[in-house]
């Protein structure tokens, strides 16, 4: 049995996990879409930190998504260590930051007001709310 299946059977069972439904769904999604296709057929000792790092750099994903993939890989290796299926976690050597590449554009209060003023439905809704009894 490969580590992904082992982890899913023991840690991500429906109703039997200390993780939230959203976390389980997220882990399953990342494992299915990204981790299994690239690493699922390999034995744990064949997965090298340098190769994982290079692979992550080739993916066209947001840094936060890349960090999530790296984090889940680390969780998989920790799981393998906990069950004595492997003796180390090479993901601790994978360098992957989660910081944004650039600062997000933030609207000023004046820009938000101008935007709202040009949305008739929002204006009508706000007007309706203002005239409701408290």
C-alpha atoms as a PDB file:
ATOM      1  CA  UNK A   1       0.000   0.000   0.000  1.00  0.00           C
ATOM      2  CA  UNK A   2       1.309   3.455  -0.903  1.00  0.00           C
ATOM      3  CA  UNK A   3       1.515   6.212   1.688  1.00  0.00           C
ATOM      4  CA  UNK A   4      -1.332   8.286   0.183  1.00  0.00           C
ATOM      5  CA  UNK A   5      -3.767   5.396   0.513  1.00  0.00           C
ATOM      6  CA  UNK A   6      -2.459   4.531   3.979  1.00  0.00           C
ATOM      7  CA  UNK A   7      -2.938   8.141   5.102  1.00  0.00           C
ATOM      8  CA  UNK A   8      -6.403   8.449   3.539  1.00  0.00           C
ATOM      9  CA  UNK A   9      -7.619   5.197   5.111  1.00  0.00           C
ATOM     10  CA  UNK A  10      -6.340   6.019   8.584  1.00  0.00           C
ATOM     11  CA  UNK A  11      -6.544   9.797   8.793  1.00  0.00           C
ATOM     12  CA  UNK A  12      -9.215  10.972   6.348  1.00  0.00           C
ATOM     13  CA  UNK A  13     -12.066   8.522   6.914  1.00  0.00           C
ATOM     14  CA  UNK A  14     -15.497  10.133   6.904  1.00  0.00           C
ATOM     15  CA  UNK A  15     -16.734  10.961  10.374  1.00  0.00           C
ATOM     16  CA  UNK A  16     -13.669   9.392  11.959  1.00  0.00           C
ATOM     17  CA  UNK A  17     -11.227  12.270  11.694  1.00  0.00           C
ATOM     18  CA  UNK A  18     -10.282  14.939  14.190  1.00  0.00           C
ATOM     19  CA  UNK A  19      -9.847  17.186  11.159  1.00  0.00           C
ATOM     20  CA  UNK A  20     -12.703  19.349   9.931  1.00  0.00           C
ATOM     21  CA  UNK A  21     -14.719  18.369   6.877  1.00  0.00           C
ATOM     22  CA  UNK A  22     -13.129  21.255   4.942  1.00  0.00           C
ATOM     23  CA  UNK A  23      -9.598  20.129   5.855  1.00  0.00           C
ATOM     24  CA  UNK A  24     -10.306  16.539   4.840  1.00  0.00           C
ATOM     25  CA  UNK A  25     -11.778  17.731   1.543  1.00  0.00           C
ATOM     26  CA  UNK A  26      -8.760  19.988   0.921  1.00  0.00           C
ATOM     27  CA  UNK A  27      -6.242  17.236   1.702  1.00  0.00           C
ATOM     28  CA  UNK A  28      -8.058  14.739  -0.520  1.00  0.00           C
ATOM     29  CA  UNK A  29      -8.217  17.268  -3.356  1.00  0.00           C
ATOM     30  CA  UNK A  30      -4.525  18.156  -3.253  1.00  0.00           C
ATOM     31  CA  UNK A  31      -3.516  14.510  -2.921  1.00  0.00           C
ATOM     32  CA  UNK A  32      -5.716  13.484  -5.875  1.00  0.00           C
ATOM     33  CA  UNK A  33      -4.874  16.398  -8.181  1.00  0.00           C
ATOM     34  CA  UNK A  34      -1.203  17.083  -7.463  1.00  0.00           C
ATOM     35  CA  UNK A  35       0.565  14.604  -5.199  1.00  0.00           C
ATOM     36  CA  UNK A  36      -0.593  11.197  -6.486  1.00  0.00           C
ATOM     37  CA  UNK A  37      -0.085  11.952 -10.201  1.00  0.00           C
ATOM     38  CA  UNK A  38       3.537  13.011  -9.630  1.00  0.00           C
ATOM     39  CA  UNK A  39       4.686  11.061  -6.569  1.00  0.00           C
ATOM     40  CA  UNK A  40       2.082   8.341  -6.021  1.00  0.00           C
ATOM     41  CA  UNK A  41       3.896   5.557  -7.862  1.00  0.00           C
ATOM     42  CA  UNK A  42       7.224   6.091  -6.070  1.00  0.00           C
ATOM     43  CA  UNK A  43       8.470   4.496  -2.884  1.00  0.00           C
ATOM     44  CA  UNK A  44       9.117   6.959  -0.060  1.00  0.00           C
ATOM     45  CA  UNK A  45      12.897   6.630  -0.326  1.00  0.00           C
ATOM     46  CA  UNK A  46      12.700   7.645  -3.991  1.00  0.00           C
ATOM     47  CA  UNK A  47      11.170  11.046  -3.206  1.00  0.00           C
ATOM     48  CA  UNK A  48      13.962  13.597  -2.814  1.00  0.00           C
ATOM     49  CA  UNK A  49      13.638  17.100  -1.383  1.00  0.00           C
ATOM     50  CA  UNK A  50      15.520  18.687  -4.289  1.00  0.00           C
ATOM     51  CA  UNK A  51      13.209  17.029  -6.816  1.00  0.00           C
ATOM     52  CA  UNK A  52      10.091  18.128  -4.923  1.00  0.00           C
ATOM     53  CA  UNK A  53      11.414  21.684  -4.729  1.00  0.00           C
ATOM     54  CA  UNK A  54      12.165  21.753  -8.479  1.00  0.00           C
ATOM     55  CA  UNK A  55       8.721  20.297  -9.259  1.00  0.00           C
ATOM     56  CA  UNK A  56       6.972  22.908  -7.115  1.00  0.00           C
ATOM     57  CA  UNK A  57       8.838  25.688  -8.927  1.00  0.00           C
ATOM     58  CA  UNK A  58       7.595  24.381 -12.277  1.00  0.00           C
ATOM     59  CA  UNK A  59       3.934  24.440 -11.235  1.00  0.00           C
ATOM     60  CA  UNK A  60       1.985  27.544 -12.245  1.00  0.00           C
ATOM     61  CA  UNK A  61       0.173  27.956  -8.940  1.00  0.00           C
ATOM     62  CA  UNK A  62      -0.072  30.634  -6.289  1.00  0.00           C
ATOM     63  CA  UNK A  63       2.616  30.462  -3.627  1.00  0.00           C
ATOM     64  CA  UNK A  64      -0.002  29.634  -1.022  1.00  0.00           C
ATOM     65  CA  UNK A  65      -1.083  26.595  -3.082  1.00  0.00           C
ATOM     66  CA  UNK A  66       2.521  25.469  -3.493  1.00  0.00           C
ATOM     67  CA  UNK A  67       3.039  25.841   0.253  1.00  0.00           C
ATOM     68  CA  UNK A  68      -0.106  23.765   0.860  1.00  0.00           C
ATOM     69  CA  UNK A  69       1.187  20.977  -1.406  1.00  0.00           C
ATOM     70  CA  UNK A  70       4.535  20.999   0.404  1.00  0.00           C
ATOM     71  CA  UNK A  71       2.747  20.976   3.750  1.00  0.00           C
ATOM     72  CA  UNK A  72       0.590  17.987   2.795  1.00  0.00           C
ATOM     73  CA  UNK A  73       3.664  16.113   1.552  1.00  0.00           C
ATOM     74  CA  UNK A  74       5.281  16.801   4.916  1.00  0.00           C
ATOM     75  CA  UNK A  75       2.150  15.543   6.690  1.00  0.00           C
ATOM     76  CA  UNK A  76       2.310  12.351   4.602  1.00  0.00           C
ATOM     77  CA  UNK A  77       5.939  11.766   5.585  1.00  0.00           C
ATOM     78  CA  UNK A  78       5.172  12.484   9.257  1.00  0.00           C
ATOM     79  CA  UNK A  79       2.359   9.948   9.005  1.00  0.00           C
ATOM     80  CA  UNK A  80       4.793   7.396   7.551  1.00  0.00           C
ATOM     81  CA  UNK A  81       7.223   8.054  10.418  1.00  0.00           C
ATOM     82  CA  UNK A  82       4.458   7.743  13.018  1.00  0.00           C
ATOM     83  CA  UNK A  83       3.501   4.321  11.627  1.00  0.00           C
ATOM     84  CA  UNK A  84       7.185   3.340  11.314  1.00  0.00           C
ATOM     85  CA  UNK A  85       6.915   3.001   7.546  1.00  0.00           C
ATOM     86  CA  UNK A  86       9.779   5.464   7.050  1.00  0.00           C
ATOM     87  CA  UNK A  87      12.420   6.993   9.280  1.00  0.00           C
ATOM     88  CA  UNK A  88      12.700  10.635   8.157  1.00  0.00           C
ATOM     89  CA  UNK A  89      10.842  13.534   6.604  1.00  0.00           C
ATOM     90  CA  UNK A  90      12.793  14.964   3.647  1.00  0.00           C
ATOM     91  CA  UNK A  91      10.133  17.659   3.145  1.00  0.00           C
ATOM     92  CA  UNK A  92      11.702  19.686   5.955  1.00  0.00           C
ATOM     93  CA  UNK A  93      14.467  20.519   3.460  1.00  0.00           C
ATOM     94  CA  UNK A  94      12.066  21.729   0.742  1.00  0.00           C
ATOM     95  CA  UNK A  95      12.182  25.511   0.531  1.00  0.00           C
ATOM     96  CA  UNK A  96       8.786  26.915  -0.339  1.00  0.00           C
ATOM     97  CA  UNK A  97       7.499  30.237   0.919  1.00  0.00           C
ATOM     98  CA  UNK A  98       3.865  31.257   1.055  1.00  0.00           C
ATOM     99  CA  UNK A  99       4.357  35.023   0.802  1.00  0.00           C
ATOM    100  CA  UNK A 100       2.566  36.826  -1.998  1.00  0.00           C
ATOM    101  CA  UNK A 101       4.589  37.814  -5.037  1.00  0.00           C
ATOM    102  CA  UNK A 102       3.211  41.353  -4.798  1.00  0.00           C
ATOM    103  CA  UNK A 103       1.017  43.332  -2.456  1.00  0.00           C
ATOM    104  CA  UNK A 104      -2.704  43.129  -3.255  1.00  0.00           C
ATOM    105  CA  UNK A 105      -4.508  46.174  -4.603  1.00  0.00           C
ATOM    106  CA  UNK A 106      -6.658  47.608  -1.823  1.00  0.00           C
ATOM    107  CA  UNK A 107      -9.487  50.015  -2.578  1.00  0.00           C
ATOM    108  CA  UNK A 108      -9.752  53.247  -0.640  1.00  0.00           C
ATOM    109  CA  UNK A 109     -13.027  54.242   1.026  1.00  0.00           C
ATOM    110  CA  UNK A 110     -13.634  56.781  -1.768  1.00  0.00           C
ATOM    111  CA  UNK A 111     -13.087  54.111  -4.446  1.00  0.00           C
ATOM    112  CA  UNK A 112     -15.512  51.755  -2.710  1.00  0.00           C
ATOM    113  CA  UNK A 113     -18.133  54.516  -2.462  1.00  0.00           C
ATOM    114  CA  UNK A 114     -17.718  55.323  -6.154  1.00  0.00           C
ATOM    115  CA  UNK A 115     -18.065  51.654  -7.031  1.00  0.00           C
ATOM    116  CA  UNK A 116     -21.203  51.237  -4.893  1.00  0.00           C
ATOM    117  CA  UNK A 117     -22.717  54.415  -6.359  1.00  0.00           C
ATOM    118  CA  UNK A 118     -22.502  52.827  -9.818  1.00  0.00           C
ATOM    119  CA  UNK A 119     -24.259  49.626  -8.794  1.00  0.00           C
ATOM    120  CA  UNK A 120     -28.022  50.292  -8.864  1.00  0.00           C
ATOM    121  CA  UNK A 121     -29.014  47.074  -7.110  1.00  0.00           C
ATOM    122  CA  UNK A 122     -26.607  47.682  -4.225  1.00  0.00           C
ATOM    123  CA  UNK A 123     -27.875  51.265  -3.905  1.00  0.00           C
ATOM    124  CA  UNK A 124     -31.487  50.103  -3.783  1.00  0.00           C
ATOM    125  CA  UNK A 125     -30.647  47.427  -1.226  1.00  0.00           C
ATOM    126  CA  UNK A 126     -28.741  49.865   0.986  1.00  0.00           C
ATOM    127  CA  UNK A 127     -31.594  52.342   0.749  1.00  0.00           C
ATOM    128  CA  UNK A 128     -34.069  49.616   1.702  1.00  0.00           C
ATOM    129  CA  UNK A 129     -31.989  48.625   4.741  1.00  0.00           C
ATOM    130  CA  UNK A 130     -31.692  52.234   5.891  1.00  0.00           C
ATOM    131  CA  UNK A 131     -35.479  52.583   5.999  1.00  0.00           C
ATOM    132  CA  UNK A 132     -36.190  49.385   7.941  1.00  0.00           C
ATOM    133  CA  UNK A 133     -37.282  49.697  11.582  1.00  0.00           C
ATOM    134  CA  UNK A 134     -34.576  48.711  14.045  1.00  0.00           C
END
